[in-house]
Amino acid sequence: MIAWFGCFLTGASFSLVMPFMPIFVRQLGAGGTDTAFYSGLSVSISALAAALVSPLWGRLADRYGRKPMMIRASLVMTFTMGGLAFIDSVFWLLLLRLMNGLFAGFIPNANALIASQAPKKEMGKALGLLATGNIGGALIGPLIGGFLAQLLGIRNVFLLVGFCSF
């Protein structure tokens, strides 16, 4: 259940910024066509970075364990997502989103951990259930993000995500 909840929060945190990222980019000083470019880049840079370094985190998980890699990913996401509440330029937005992707790896390690511990007869069920956490988080993230941004303000959403990641 903890791995499912972590996957849900991770999936949600990657997608919940989508509804308000253009507004946040404008607040950071980018305007005109730069808003669309930097909004798209800030959302996609995390996924691109995560895709590039996933094999490295997988090797380290084989060597040092899945749980330490999940904790590492959660702690870094605490600072990279929470830190977005305090930035003042698009440069810092892109840097923190890049770092978020570079140090990602919670979901792949949660999958590997569950696969290594689930009984063989129930492995498909266990991995399928775990996948619902990530997918559910990614699907509901924009709704949650838009609602929370309206309710609490954009910067407070980043603080909340950082706190939840911790």
Protein backbone atom coordinates (compact mmCIF):
# COMPACT_ATOMS: atom_id res chain seq x y z
CA MET A 1 0.00 0.00 0.00
CA ILE A 2 2.88 2.39 0.73
CA ALA A 3 4.41 1.70 -2.68
CA TRP A 4 1.01 2.30 -4.32
CA PHE A 5 0.57 5.61 -2.49
CA GLY A 6 4.11 6.66 -3.44
CA CYS A 7 3.45 5.82 -7.09
CA PHE A 8 0.18 7.75 -6.93
CA LEU A 9 1.90 10.85 -5.51
CA THR A 10 4.76 10.56 -8.00
CA GLY A 11 2.39 10.24 -10.95
CA ALA A 12 0.28 13.13 -9.69
CA SER A 13 3.27 15.39 -9.02
CA PHE A 14 4.54 14.98 -12.58
CA SER A 15 1.19 15.95 -14.09
CA LEU A 16 -0.43 18.33 -11.62
CA VAL A 17 1.62 21.30 -12.81
CA MET A 18 0.18 21.15 -16.32
CA PRO A 19 -2.93 23.30 -15.78
CA PHE A 20 -1.07 26.24 -14.29
CA MET A 21 2.45 26.00 -15.72
CA PRO A 22 1.86 28.72 -18.35
CA ILE A 23 0.58 31.06 -15.63
CA PHE A 24 3.57 30.28 -13.43
CA VAL A 25 6.00 30.81 -16.30
CA ARG A 26 4.43 34.23 -16.94
CA GLN A 27 4.76 35.05 -13.23
CA LEU A 28 8.46 34.24 -13.55
CA GLY A 29 8.85 36.84 -16.29
CA ALA A 30 8.50 34.99 -19.58
CA GLY A 31 5.94 36.48 -21.92
CA GLY A 32 4.57 36.18 -25.42
CA THR A 33 5.57 33.07 -27.32
CA ASP A 34 8.22 32.36 -24.69
CA THR A 35 5.44 31.36 -22.30
CA ALA A 36 4.35 28.41 -24.42
CA PHE A 37 7.92 27.30 -25.12
CA TYR A 38 9.10 27.43 -21.50
CA SER A 39 5.88 25.87 -20.20
CA GLY A 40 6.25 22.91 -22.54
CA LEU A 41 9.95 22.59 -21.82
CA SER A 42 9.45 22.69 -18.06
CA VAL A 43 6.89 19.89 -18.22
CA SER A 44 8.81 17.68 -20.65
CA ILE A 45 12.34 18.17 -19.32
CA SER A 46 11.65 16.02 -16.25
CA ALA A 47 10.40 13.08 -18.29
CA LEU A 48 13.27 13.35 -20.78
CA ALA A 49 15.87 13.46 -18.02
CA ALA A 50 14.23 10.54 -16.20
CA ALA A 51 14.27 8.46 -19.38
CA LEU A 52 17.97 9.13 -19.92
CA VAL A 53 19.14 8.22 -16.42
CA SER A 54 16.75 5.35 -15.60
CA PRO A 55 19.32 2.68 -16.53
CA LEU A 56 21.81 4.23 -14.09
CA TRP A 57 19.31 4.21 -11.22
CA GLY A 58 18.38 0.64 -12.11
CA ARG A 59 22.02 -0.48 -11.86
CA LEU A 60 22.42 1.32 -8.54
CA ALA A 61 19.21 -0.29 -7.25
CA ASP A 62 20.62 -3.71 -8.17
CA ARG A 63 23.74 -2.90 -6.20
CA TYR A 64 22.33 -1.03 -3.18
CA GLY A 65 18.67 -2.03 -3.03
CA ARG A 66 15.33 -0.81 -4.28
CA LYS A 67 14.16 0.81 -1.05
CA PRO A 68 17.16 3.15 -0.77
CA MET A 69 16.60 4.25 -4.37
CA MET A 70 12.91 4.89 -3.67
CA ILE A 71 13.82 6.95 -0.61
CA ARG A 72 16.45 8.86 -2.61
CA ALA A 73 13.93 9.67 -5.33
CA SER A 74 11.33 10.80 -2.79
CA LEU A 75 13.76 13.02 -0.91
CA VAL A 76 15.04 14.70 -4.04
CA MET A 77 11.48 15.27 -5.23
CA THR A 78 10.77 16.88 -1.85
CA PHE A 79 13.39 19.51 -2.56
CA THR A 80 12.94 19.92 -6.31
CA MET A 81 9.15 20.23 -6.21
CA GLY A 82 9.00 22.12 -2.93
CA GLY A 83 11.82 24.39 -4.08
CA LEU A 84 9.70 25.61 -6.98
CA ALA A 85 7.73 27.66 -4.44
CA PHE A 86 10.78 29.87 -3.86
CA ILE A 87 12.19 30.47 -7.34
CA ASP A 88 12.19 33.79 -9.17
CA SER A 89 13.14 32.95 -12.76
CA VAL A 90 12.49 30.50 -15.58
CA PHE A 91 16.12 29.38 -15.32
CA TRP A 92 15.51 28.00 -11.80
CA LEU A 93 12.25 26.43 -12.93
CA LEU A 94 14.01 24.53 -15.69
CA LEU A 95 16.93 23.58 -13.44
CA LEU A 96 14.73 22.19 -10.67
CA ARG A 97 12.50 20.35 -13.14
CA LEU A 98 15.64 18.89 -14.78
CA MET A 99 16.96 17.79 -11.39
CA ASN A 100 13.56 16.30 -10.59
CA GLY A 101 13.89 14.10 -13.67
CA LEU A 102 17.57 13.29 -13.20
CA PHE A 103 16.98 11.98 -9.69
CA ALA A 104 13.64 10.29 -10.43
CA GLY A 105 13.19 6.55 -10.21
CA PHE A 106 10.55 5.92 -7.58
CA ILE A 107 8.10 4.15 -9.88
CA PRO A 108 10.55 1.79 -11.64
CA ASN A 109 12.05 0.79 -8.30
CA ALA A 110 8.61 0.29 -6.77
CA ASN A 111 7.78 -2.03 -9.67
CA ALA A 112 11.02 -3.96 -9.20
CA LEU A 113 10.50 -4.18 -5.44
CA ILE A 114 6.95 -5.50 -5.75
CA ALA A 115 7.99 -7.92 -8.51
CA SER A 116 10.75 -9.32 -6.32
CA GLN A 117 8.50 -9.77 -3.27
CA ALA A 118 5.09 -10.76 -4.66
CA PRO A 119 4.28 -14.46 -4.80
CA LYS A 120 4.72 -15.75 -8.34
CA LYS A 121 1.02 -16.64 -8.64
CA GLU A 122 0.00 -13.08 -7.71
CA MET A 123 2.73 -11.07 -9.44
CA GLY A 124 0.51 -9.86 -12.29
CA LYS A 125 -2.16 -8.75 -9.85
CA ALA A 126 0.37 -6.99 -7.62
CA LEU A 127 2.07 -5.17 -10.51
CA GLY A 128 -1.28 -4.27 -12.06
CA LEU A 129 -2.49 -2.82 -8.79
CA LEU A 130 0.74 -0.86 -8.39
CA ALA A 131 0.36 0.51 -11.92
CA THR A 132 -3.05 1.91 -10.99
CA GLY A 133 -1.29 4.17 -8.50
CA ASN A 134 0.94 5.77 -11.12
CA ILE A 135 -1.75 5.94 -13.78
CA GLY A 136 -4.37 7.19 -11.36
CA GLY A 137 -2.02 9.87 -10.07
CA ALA A 138 -1.09 10.97 -13.58
CA LEU A 139 -4.75 11.13 -14.63
CA ILE A 140 -6.05 12.98 -11.60
CA GLY A 141 -2.96 15.17 -11.16
CA PRO A 142 -4.11 17.96 -13.49
CA LEU A 143 -7.52 18.12 -11.81
CA ILE A 144 -5.96 18.21 -8.36
CA GLY A 145 -3.33 20.72 -9.49
CA GLY A 146 -5.84 23.10 -11.02
CA PHE A 147 -8.12 22.89 -7.99
CA LEU A 148 -5.30 23.38 -5.48
CA ALA A 149 -3.73 26.23 -7.47
CA GLN A 150 -7.06 28.05 -7.40
CA LEU A 151 -7.63 27.26 -3.73
CA LEU A 152 -4.12 27.71 -2.28
CA GLY A 153 -2.09 29.53 -4.93
CA ILE A 154 0.48 28.09 -7.30
CA ARG A 155 3.49 28.35 -5.01
CA ASN A 156 1.66 26.66 -2.15
CA VAL A 157 0.85 23.73 -4.43
CA PHE A 158 4.58 23.20 -4.91
CA LEU A 159 5.10 23.26 -1.15
CA LEU A 160 2.29 20.76 -0.66
CA VAL A 161 3.74 18.40 -3.26
CA GLY A 162 7.17 18.68 -1.65
CA PHE A 163 5.67 17.89 1.73
CA CYS A 164 3.73 14.90 0.37
CA SER A 165 6.86 13.59 -1.35
CA PHE A 166 8.68 13.67 1.96
